[in-house]
Protein backbone atom coordinates (compact mmCIF):
# COMPACT_ATOMS: atom_id res chain seq x y z
CA UNK A 1 -75.77 -28.20 4.78
CA UNK A 2 -72.63 -29.43 3.46
CA UNK A 3 -72.98 -32.24 6.77
CA UNK A 4 -70.34 -31.10 8.76
CA UNK A 5 -69.36 -32.90 11.87
CA UNK A 6 -68.21 -30.86 15.48
CA UNK A 7 -66.73 -28.20 14.14
CA UNK A 8 -65.80 -24.76 14.92
CA UNK A 9 -67.84 -21.37 14.42
CA UNK A 10 -66.59 -18.40 12.31
CA UNK A 11 -64.50 -16.54 14.33
CA UNK A 12 -64.12 -12.65 14.19
CA UNK A 13 -67.25 -12.55 11.60
CA UNK A 14 -69.19 -9.89 13.65
CA UNK A 15 -67.64 -6.29 13.90
CA UNK A 16 -68.82 -3.19 16.23
CA UNK A 17 -71.43 -2.55 14.15
CA UNK A 18 -73.30 -6.14 13.14
CA UNK A 19 -72.95 -6.43 17.09
CA UNK A 20 -74.61 -2.95 17.79
CA UNK A 21 -77.22 -4.26 15.93
CA UNK A 22 -77.41 -7.62 16.89
CA UNK A 23 -78.58 -6.44 20.21
CA UNK A 24 -80.64 -3.44 19.58
CA UNK A 25 -82.41 -5.37 16.84
CA UNK A 26 -82.97 -8.00 19.18
CA UNK A 27 -84.38 -5.81 21.94
CA UNK A 28 -86.98 -3.78 19.80
CA UNK A 29 -88.89 -6.72 19.32
CA UNK A 30 -92.34 -7.77 20.15
CA UNK A 31 -92.31 -6.39 23.90
CA UNK A 32 -92.64 -3.27 23.09
CA UNK A 33 -95.39 -3.70 20.76
CA UNK A 34 -97.34 -5.97 23.96
CA UNK A 35 -95.69 -5.83 27.28
CA UNK A 36 -97.04 -2.09 27.68
CA UNK A 37 -100.32 -2.43 27.99
CA UNK A 38 -99.85 -5.24 30.68
CA UNK A 39 -97.70 -2.92 32.78
CA UNK A 40 -100.15 0.31 32.29
CA UNK A 41 -103.23 -1.73 33.60
CA UNK A 42 -100.36 -2.89 36.32
CA UNK A 43 -99.57 0.98 37.44
CA UNK A 44 -100.81 3.18 35.32
CA UNK A 45 -98.94 6.07 33.90
CA UNK A 46 -95.81 5.17 36.37
CA UNK A 47 -95.13 2.62 33.59
CA UNK A 48 -92.90 4.38 31.72
CA UNK A 49 -90.94 4.87 35.36
CA UNK A 50 -91.00 1.52 35.54
CA UNK A 51 -89.56 0.43 32.11
CA UNK A 52 -86.95 3.08 32.79
CA UNK A 53 -86.05 1.43 36.25
CA UNK A 54 -86.00 -2.04 34.03
CA UNK A 55 -83.51 -0.63 31.46
CA UNK A 56 -80.88 0.58 34.31
CA UNK A 57 -81.22 -2.87 35.63
CA UNK A 58 -80.92 -4.49 32.64
CA UNK A 59 -77.45 -2.02 32.03
CA UNK A 60 -75.87 -3.23 35.42
CA UNK A 61 -76.24 -6.80 34.61
CA UNK A 62 -75.30 -6.17 31.24
CA UNK A 63 -71.98 -5.29 32.19
CA UNK A 64 -71.34 -7.83 34.63
CA UNK A 65 -72.16 -10.03 31.47
CA UNK A 66 -69.80 -8.31 29.35
CA UNK A 67 -66.80 -8.48 31.82
CA UNK A 68 -67.60 -12.42 31.69
CA UNK A 69 -68.04 -12.44 27.92
CA UNK A 70 -64.47 -10.35 27.72
CA UNK A 71 -62.63 -12.73 30.24
CA UNK A 72 -64.12 -15.64 28.44
CA UNK A 73 -65.01 -15.36 24.92
CA UNK A 74 -66.71 -18.46 24.04
CA UNK A 75 -69.71 -19.65 22.28
CA UNK A 76 -72.50 -20.50 24.48
CA UNK A 77 -72.05 -17.14 26.83
CA UNK A 78 -74.29 -18.10 30.32
CA UNK A 79 -73.69 -21.47 30.03
CA UNK A 80 -70.23 -21.59 30.18
CA UNK A 81 -69.20 -18.93 32.44
CA UNK A 82 -70.11 -20.73 35.85
CA UNK A 83 -67.40 -23.48 34.78
CA UNK A 84 -64.91 -21.23 33.59
CA UNK A 85 -65.49 -18.56 36.60
CA UNK A 86 -65.96 -21.20 39.37
CA UNK A 87 -63.40 -23.82 37.41
CA UNK A 88 -61.76 -24.37 40.75
CA UNK A 89 -65.05 -25.37 42.80
CA UNK A 90 -64.93 -28.40 39.72
CA UNK A 91 -68.80 -30.07 40.04
CA UNK A 92 -70.82 -26.47 41.07
CA UNK A 93 -69.43 -25.03 38.12
CA UNK A 94 -70.10 -27.68 35.69
CA UNK A 95 -73.17 -27.79 37.26
CA UNK A 96 -74.49 -24.22 37.48
CA UNK A 97 -73.34 -24.21 34.21
CA UNK A 98 -75.33 -26.82 32.86
CA UNK A 99 -78.57 -25.20 34.65
CA UNK A 100 -78.06 -21.84 33.20
CA UNK A 101 -77.78 -23.46 29.70
CA UNK A 102 -80.74 -26.09 30.14
CA UNK A 103 -83.15 -23.02 31.55
CA UNK A 104 -81.82 -20.74 28.97
CA UNK A 105 -81.83 -22.17 25.55
CA UNK A 106 -85.81 -23.55 26.17
CA UNK A 107 -86.95 -19.81 27.31
CA UNK A 108 -85.26 -17.76 25.03
CA UNK A 109 -84.94 -20.27 21.86
CA UNK A 110 -88.03 -22.12 22.05
CA UNK A 111 -91.02 -20.53 24.30
CA UNK A 112 -90.26 -16.86 23.13
CA UNK A 113 -89.89 -17.85 19.25
CA UNK A 114 -93.07 -19.78 19.89
CA UNK A 115 -95.12 -16.32 21.16
CA UNK A 116 -93.48 -14.61 18.36
CA UNK A 117 -94.66 -17.06 15.85
CA UNK A 118 -98.08 -17.02 17.06
CA UNK A 119 -98.14 -13.11 17.33
CA UNK A 120 -97.05 -13.25 13.31
CA UNK A 121 -100.51 -14.24 12.19
CA UNK A 122 -102.08 -11.75 14.12
CA UNK A 123 -100.07 -8.60 12.75
CA UNK A 124 -100.24 -9.98 9.52
CA UNK A 125 -104.17 -9.98 9.72
CA UNK A 126 -104.55 -6.57 11.11
CA UNK A 127 -102.02 -5.39 8.11
CA UNK A 128 -103.78 -6.92 5.60
CA UNK A 129 -107.28 -7.98 6.83
CA UNK A 130 -108.98 -8.21 3.44
CA UNK A 131 -106.38 -11.30 2.57
CA UNK A 132 -107.57 -13.05 6.16
CA UNK A 133 -104.06 -15.29 5.83
CA UNK A 134 -104.16 -18.22 8.06
CA UNK A 135 -102.59 -17.75 11.26
CA UNK A 136 -101.38 -21.12 11.97
CA UNK A 137 -99.75 -21.29 8.63
CA UNK A 138 -98.11 -17.65 8.87
CA UNK A 139 -96.80 -18.75 12.29
CA UNK A 140 -94.64 -21.78 10.78
CA UNK A 141 -93.36 -19.50 7.77
CA UNK A 142 -92.12 -17.02 10.24
CA UNK A 143 -90.36 -20.31 12.18
CA UNK A 144 -89.16 -21.63 8.73
CA UNK A 145 -87.71 -17.85 7.94
CA UNK A 146 -85.93 -17.34 10.58
CA UNK A 147 -84.38 -20.62 10.88
CA UNK A 148 -83.18 -20.23 7.34
CA UNK A 149 -81.70 -16.89 7.90
CA UNK A 150 -79.68 -18.18 11.01
CA UNK A 151 -78.98 -21.15 8.74
CA UNK A 152 -76.66 -18.64 6.58
CA UNK A 153 -74.56 -17.16 9.17
CA UNK A 154 -74.35 -14.64 11.40
CA UNK A 155 -73.58 -12.13 9.04
CA UNK A 156 -76.42 -12.73 6.73
CA UNK A 157 -78.83 -12.58 9.82
CA UNK A 158 -76.80 -9.57 10.53
CA UNK A 159 -77.87 -8.10 7.20
CA UNK A 160 -81.11 -8.87 7.34
CA UNK A 161 -81.38 -7.98 10.88
CA UNK A 162 -80.23 -4.27 9.86
CA UNK A 163 -82.66 -3.85 7.48
CA UNK A 164 -85.65 -4.56 9.58
CA UNK A 165 -84.51 -2.61 12.67
CA UNK A 166 -83.84 0.33 11.10
CA UNK A 167 -87.73 0.35 9.29
CA UNK A 168 -88.60 -0.22 12.53
CA UNK A 169 -86.77 2.18 14.64
CA UNK A 170 -87.72 4.83 11.63
CA UNK A 171 -91.57 3.67 12.49
CA UNK A 172 -91.42 4.34 16.46
CA UNK A 173 -89.35 7.44 15.63
CA UNK A 174 -92.42 8.81 13.38
CA UNK A 175 -94.89 7.86 15.86
CA UNK A 176 -93.13 9.11 19.30
CA UNK A 177 -92.55 12.73 17.07
CA UNK A 178 -96.17 12.97 16.23
CA UNK A 179 -97.73 11.98 19.27
CA UNK A 180 -95.48 13.28 21.90
CA UNK A 181 -96.43 17.21 21.27
CA UNK A 182 -100.05 16.34 21.47
CA UNK A 183 -99.69 14.70 25.06
CA UNK A 184 -102.43 15.75 27.90
CA UNK A 185 -101.33 16.23 31.08
CA UNK A 186 -104.27 15.37 32.42
CA UNK A 187 -103.85 11.86 31.36
CA UNK A 188 -100.79 11.29 33.32
CA UNK A 189 -102.50 11.49 36.72
CA UNK A 190 -102.61 10.09 38.95
CA UNK A 191 -99.40 9.22 38.17
CA UNK A 192 -98.85 5.76 40.12
CA UNK A 193 -102.62 4.16 39.63
CA UNK A 194 -103.73 0.95 37.51
CA UNK A 195 -105.40 -2.35 39.00
CA UNK A 196 -102.48 -2.95 41.65
CA UNK A 197 -100.95 0.54 42.42
CA UNK A 198 -97.32 0.29 44.45
CA UNK A 199 -97.27 -3.60 44.19
CA UNK A 200 -98.16 -3.37 40.30
CA UNK A 201 -95.32 -0.82 39.84
CA UNK A 202 -92.95 -3.77 41.09
CA UNK A 203 -94.33 -6.43 39.20
CA UNK A 204 -94.28 -3.80 36.01
CA UNK A 205 -90.67 -3.91 36.38
CA UNK A 206 -90.36 -7.74 36.11
CA UNK A 207 -92.39 -7.39 32.67
CA UNK A 208 -90.59 -4.55 31.52
CA UNK A 209 -87.02 -6.18 31.64
CA UNK A 210 -88.04 -8.75 29.09
CA UNK A 211 -87.90 -6.04 26.52
CA UNK A 212 -84.48 -5.57 27.02
CA UNK A 213 -83.17 -9.02 27.41
CA UNK A 214 -82.05 -10.06 23.79
CA UNK A 215 -78.48 -8.00 24.53
CA UNK A 216 -77.60 -11.32 26.01
CA UNK A 217 -77.27 -12.47 22.48
CA UNK A 218 -74.16 -11.14 21.93
CA UNK A 219 -72.22 -12.95 24.80
CA UNK A 220 -73.64 -16.04 23.06
CA UNK A 221 -71.76 -15.43 19.93
CA UNK A 222 -68.69 -13.99 21.65
CA UNK A 223 -66.51 -16.66 19.74
CA UNK A 224 -67.79 -14.96 16.37
CA UNK A 225 -67.23 -11.34 17.48
CA UNK A 226 -63.72 -9.33 16.51
CA UNK A 227 -62.11 -7.77 19.53
CA UNK A 228 -64.62 -8.95 22.54
CA UNK A 229 -62.86 -7.36 25.08
CA UNK A 230 -63.67 -3.85 23.30
CA UNK A 231 -66.69 -4.67 21.21
CA UNK A 232 -68.85 -6.90 23.59
CA UNK A 233 -69.09 -4.30 26.64
CA UNK A 234 -69.74 -1.09 24.22
CA UNK A 235 -72.36 -2.95 22.35
CA UNK A 236 -74.45 -4.07 25.33
CA UNK A 237 -74.13 -0.39 27.23
CA UNK A 238 -74.66 1.41 23.99
CA UNK A 239 -77.63 -0.32 22.93
CA UNK A 240 -79.86 -0.36 26.06
CA UNK A 241 -79.03 3.16 25.92
CA UNK A 242 -80.31 3.33 23.00
CA UNK A 243 -83.25 1.08 23.33
CA UNK A 244 -84.12 2.35 26.82
CA UNK A 245 -84.42 5.90 24.83
CA UNK A 246 -86.65 4.85 22.25
CA UNK A 247 -89.14 2.85 24.58
CA UNK A 248 -89.32 5.89 26.70
CA UNK A 249 -90.52 8.30 24.31
CA UNK A 250 -92.86 5.78 22.45
CA UNK A 251 -94.32 5.02 26.23
CA UNK A 252 -94.86 8.69 27.23
CA UNK A 253 -96.46 9.50 24.28
CA UNK A 254 -98.94 6.43 24.50
CA UNK A 255 -99.40 6.97 28.15
CA UNK A 256 -100.24 10.78 27.52
CA UNK A 257 -103.08 9.96 24.93
CA UNK A 258 -104.73 7.39 26.28
CA UNK A 259 -106.05 6.27 29.52
CA UNK A 260 -104.60 2.86 31.10
CA UNK A 261 -108.01 1.24 31.26
CA UNK A 262 -108.23 1.52 27.26
CA UNK A 263 -105.24 -0.60 27.01
CA UNK A 264 -106.43 -3.33 28.86
CA UNK A 265 -107.44 -7.06 27.62
CA UNK A 266 -111.32 -5.68 27.21
CA UNK A 267 -110.22 -3.32 24.34
CA UNK A 268 -108.42 -6.01 21.88
CA UNK A 269 -106.97 -3.28 19.93
CA UNK A 270 -105.71 -1.44 22.91
CA UNK A 271 -103.86 -4.13 24.48
CA UNK A 272 -102.61 -5.86 21.17
CA UNK A 273 -101.57 -2.61 19.18
CA UNK A 274 -101.24 0.68 22.11
CA UNK A 275 -99.97 2.74 19.62
CA UNK A 276 -102.17 1.91 16.75
CA UNK A 277 -104.87 2.98 19.12
CA UNK A 278 -103.40 6.31 20.03
CA UNK A 279 -102.65 6.84 16.31
CA UNK A 280 -106.30 6.43 15.21
CA UNK A 281 -107.22 8.56 18.52
CA UNK A 282 -105.03 11.48 17.27
CA UNK A 283 -106.79 11.19 13.73
CA UNK A 284 -103.69 9.85 12.08
CA UNK A 285 -105.10 6.83 10.71
CA UNK A 286 -102.57 6.49 7.83
CA UNK A 287 -99.99 5.43 10.61
CA UNK A 288 -101.83 2.57 11.30
CA UNK A 289 -100.52 0.37 8.68
CA UNK A 290 -96.84 1.08 9.34
CA UNK A 291 -97.68 0.54 12.96
CA UNK A 292 -98.66 -2.72 12.49
CA UNK A 293 -95.98 -3.51 9.99
CA UNK A 294 -93.72 -2.16 12.79
CA UNK A 295 -95.06 -5.00 15.43
CA UNK A 296 -94.42 -7.49 12.46
CA UNK A 297 -90.69 -6.43 11.94
CA UNK A 298 -90.27 -6.31 15.67
CA UNK A 299 -91.47 -10.06 15.70
CA UNK A 300 -89.21 -11.27 13.13
CA UNK A 301 -86.00 -9.59 14.65
CA UNK A 302 -86.75 -10.69 18.16
CA UNK A 303 -87.24 -14.31 16.77
CA UNK A 304 -84.11 -13.42 14.80
CA UNK A 305 -81.58 -12.80 17.19
CA UNK A 306 -83.12 -15.15 20.00
CA UNK A 307 -82.53 -18.26 17.74
CA UNK A 308 -79.27 -17.53 17.11
CA UNK A 309 -78.75 -16.80 20.83
CA UNK A 310 -80.19 -20.19 21.77
CA UNK A 311 -78.68 -22.18 19.30
CA UNK A 312 -75.20 -21.10 20.44
CA UNK A 313 -76.02 -22.04 23.90
CA UNK A 314 -76.95 -25.54 22.54
CA UNK A 315 -73.89 -25.80 20.52
CA UNK A 316 -71.64 -25.01 23.15
CA UNK A 317 -73.41 -27.53 25.60
CA UNK A 318 -73.18 -30.24 23.05
CA UNK A 319 -69.44 -29.63 22.30
CA UNK A 320 -68.67 -29.92 25.70
CA UNK A 321 -70.63 -32.75 26.08
CA UNK A 322 -73.21 -31.46 28.57
CA UNK A 323 -75.68 -32.53 26.12
CA UNK A 324 -75.06 -35.17 22.99
CA UNK A 325 -72.03 -34.26 21.01
CA UNK A 326 -74.67 -34.19 17.83
CA UNK A 327 -75.86 -30.73 18.70
CA UNK A 328 -72.60 -29.41 18.18
CA UNK A 329 -72.64 -30.28 14.56
CA UNK A 330 -71.81 -27.16 12.12
CA UNK A 331 -72.68 -26.57 8.71
CA UNK A 332 -68.96 -26.56 6.39
CA UNK A 333 -70.39 -24.21 3.95
CA UNK A 334 -71.78 -21.59 6.27
CA UNK A 335 -70.01 -22.19 9.72
CA UNK A 336 -73.14 -22.33 11.67
CA UNK A 337 -74.74 -24.68 14.37
CA UNK A 338 -77.49 -26.59 11.99
CA UNK A 339 -78.28 -29.27 14.40
CA UNK A 340 -78.96 -27.02 17.36
CA UNK A 341 -81.12 -24.59 14.70
CA UNK A 342 -82.53 -27.45 13.65
CA UNK A 343 -83.46 -28.92 17.11
CA UNK A 344 -84.87 -25.11 18.21
CA UNK A 345 -86.69 -24.79 15.34
CA UNK A 346 -88.25 -28.63 15.58
CA UNK A 347 -89.12 -27.88 19.24
CA UNK A 348 -90.97 -24.73 18.63
CA UNK A 349 -92.86 -26.05 15.71
CA UNK A 350 -94.14 -28.95 17.94
CA UNK A 351 -95.05 -26.61 21.12
CA UNK A 352 -96.86 -24.19 18.44
CA UNK A 353 -99.42 -27.05 17.79
CA UNK A 354 -100.46 -27.02 21.53
CA UNK A 355 -103.46 -25.13 22.91
CA UNK A 356 -102.37 -21.44 22.90
CA UNK A 357 -103.84 -21.17 26.78
CA UNK A 358 -101.04 -23.75 27.83
CA UNK A 359 -98.26 -21.72 25.74
CA UNK A 360 -99.26 -18.63 26.75
CA UNK A 361 -99.19 -19.90 30.82
CA UNK A 362 -95.74 -21.80 30.11
CA UNK A 363 -94.10 -18.74 28.81
CA UNK A 364 -95.00 -16.60 32.30
CA UNK A 365 -92.08 -18.82 33.67
CA UNK A 366 -89.60 -16.61 31.31
CA UNK A 367 -89.25 -13.56 33.63
CA UNK A 368 -88.27 -16.28 36.62
CA UNK A 369 -85.70 -18.20 34.54
CA UNK A 370 -84.31 -14.84 33.24
CA UNK A 371 -84.06 -14.16 36.70
CA UNK A 372 -82.32 -17.10 37.88
CA UNK A 373 -79.50 -17.05 35.15
CA UNK A 374 -78.95 -13.82 35.91
CA UNK A 375 -78.38 -14.17 39.53
CA UNK A 376 -76.09 -17.38 38.70
CA UNK A 377 -74.36 -15.48 36.33
CA UNK A 378 -73.90 -12.34 38.31
CA UNK A 379 -72.33 -14.65 41.23
CA UNK A 380 -69.63 -15.75 38.71
CA UNK A 381 -68.95 -12.08 37.74
CA UNK A 382 -68.60 -11.46 41.60
CA UNK A 383 -66.02 -14.53 41.79
CA UNK A 384 -64.17 -13.39 38.92
CA UNK A 385 -63.96 -10.12 40.62
CA UNK A 386 -62.65 -11.46 43.89
CA UNK A 387 -60.00 -13.59 41.78
CA UNK A 388 -57.71 -11.31 39.46
CA UNK A 389 -55.24 -12.81 37.23
CA UNK A 390 -57.55 -16.33 37.36
CA UNK A 391 -55.20 -19.03 34.85
CA UNK A 392 -57.66 -19.29 31.62
CA UNK A 393 -59.16 -15.35 32.25
CA UNK A 394 -58.49 -12.92 29.60
CA UNK A 395 -57.17 -9.19 30.18
CA UNK A 396 -60.41 -7.55 28.83
CA UNK A 397 -62.94 -5.66 30.09
CA UNK A 398 -63.50 -4.85 34.13
CA UNK A 399 -66.94 -3.61 34.97
CA UNK A 400 -67.06 -0.22 37.16
CA UNK A 401 -68.10 -0.71 40.66
CA UNK A 402 -65.89 -3.61 41.77
CA UNK A 403 -67.85 -6.54 43.66
CA UNK A 404 -70.51 -3.99 44.79
CA UNK A 405 -71.90 -4.16 41.05
CA UNK A 406 -72.88 -8.18 40.54
CA UNK A 407 -73.92 -7.54 44.53
CA UNK A 408 -76.63 -4.99 43.59
CA UNK A 409 -77.66 -6.66 40.27
CA UNK A 410 -78.49 -10.12 42.23
CA UNK A 411 -80.45 -7.88 45.17
CA UNK A 412 -82.52 -6.01 42.62
CA UNK A 413 -83.38 -8.89 40.50
CA UNK A 414 -84.58 -10.94 44.01
CA UNK A 415 -86.45 -7.67 44.83
CA UNK A 416 -88.25 -8.40 41.68
CA UNK A 417 -88.72 -11.50 41.28
CA UNK A 418 -90.67 -11.87 44.78
CA UNK A 419 -93.30 -10.18 42.99
CA UNK A 420 -94.05 -13.31 40.68
CA UNK A 421 -97.03 -15.98 41.81
CA UNK A 422 -96.05 -19.45 43.10
CA UNK A 423 -97.03 -21.04 40.10
CA UNK A 424 -94.66 -19.26 37.91
CA UNK A 425 -91.73 -21.09 40.40
CA UNK A 426 -93.22 -24.53 40.20
CA UNK A 427 -93.24 -24.57 36.29
CA UNK A 428 -89.04 -23.18 36.56
CA UNK A 429 -88.81 -25.70 38.94
CA UNK A 430 -90.08 -28.37 36.89
CA UNK A 431 -87.97 -27.14 33.87
CA UNK A 432 -84.77 -27.33 36.29
CA UNK A 433 -85.73 -30.69 38.12
CA UNK A 434 -85.68 -32.62 34.18
CA UNK A 435 -82.22 -30.76 33.59
CA UNK A 436 -80.99 -31.98 36.38
CA UNK A 437 -81.83 -35.58 36.02
CA UNK A 438 -80.11 -35.31 32.65
CA UNK A 439 -76.89 -34.22 34.05
CA UNK A 440 -77.11 -36.59 37.21
CA UNK A 441 -77.57 -39.32 34.40
CA UNK A 442 -74.88 -37.43 32.40
CA UNK A 443 -72.33 -37.73 35.36
CA UNK A 444 -73.35 -41.41 36.17
CA UNK A 445 -72.54 -42.27 32.70
CA UNK A 446 -69.43 -40.44 32.70
CA UNK A 447 -68.08 -41.95 36.18
CA UNK A 448 -69.06 -45.48 34.40
CA UNK A 449 -66.94 -44.67 31.47
CA UNK A 450 -63.62 -43.60 33.67
CA UNK A 451 -63.97 -46.33 36.12
CA UNK A 452 -65.72 -44.21 38.74
CA UNK A 453 -62.69 -41.57 38.81
CA UNK A 454 -63.28 -37.72 38.27
């Protein structure tokens, strides 16, 4: 790694094409191969509409974050925006920035990668059943692979991501092209059904939005993006639109060729690999192998992007002193935050060794964490809109809609999050509480170091 102290990231390493691929590659991940079954079980064929609405919500939130990233193109993204946008309020911006970064790096840099690693073993076993590979070994190998690719830098990771994404998109397009013409309209009725009906539809929106969250990775590496004022908003809006179109084609093809009851946990193949189930139903057994391969590629692209994303948040928090400065160490050779990458990978490996039931229960707080982070940062976007020309704010992109856009995003997120069970919020608040204690201890140490001033 070449040692490295608290260095700087390589500016201008990502152009428009690489930025778009990071967003698309991150979003077309494990979510579209696992979450659809949950949403179909909750509300039946109307899950397709739930995914469309989730995409629209993500576009609204993405435009808010693009404005912040354009104004403050620094590494760390969501951990930095509250401090920058609310700078005049002092401690409040510092606290909200810490909380955003604290819950974000754990949710997306650790928990999401643990789930991805667990599914690697399952998809490899489906792809190569005769080899019967050890799932635990395959999971650790996946963690090691994405760590190594990220360590080599955003350009190397971007190239790998481009190759994986191209193969994945090709398989999804092939599946949709073969299955859409053979839809049975009768399977789409009743449209709003499933286990929970209307309530299940609202819950499905909160499940589906997790399939779009990886666009946030580009805001975390804004310091490494060329012309971020133009590149970031274009990458976010284009990637969400492209991914939503791919999702809806595949989901409609699935809903029109299988009943939602067949996609429940009682049918493992339908639950874990709904596209493969439909392919077999249509007599396209030759397509099952490529679909399993697509699932494996989806996991790896998601893990690749989310590890990059989480490491930049940790790097920024270390560089800013919110967490130990050792986390800001960068590789002299590759210009990557190796210390943060190593910590996230090690934490993922440790959590991977825990009982799967505990891991799957913890991951449920991911949706709540995402909603909290989005609410905080949409509030920051609102403050930025109400304070034009603020010192330190770059003359960058301005999202349309004025103050109404972040207000709408917060309101929609609050409505969607109202459907979570109380246990999910208890888990989220527990993690936030741990972070708050660390934040308070840091403030006390800072005050002691300055003799009680500041």
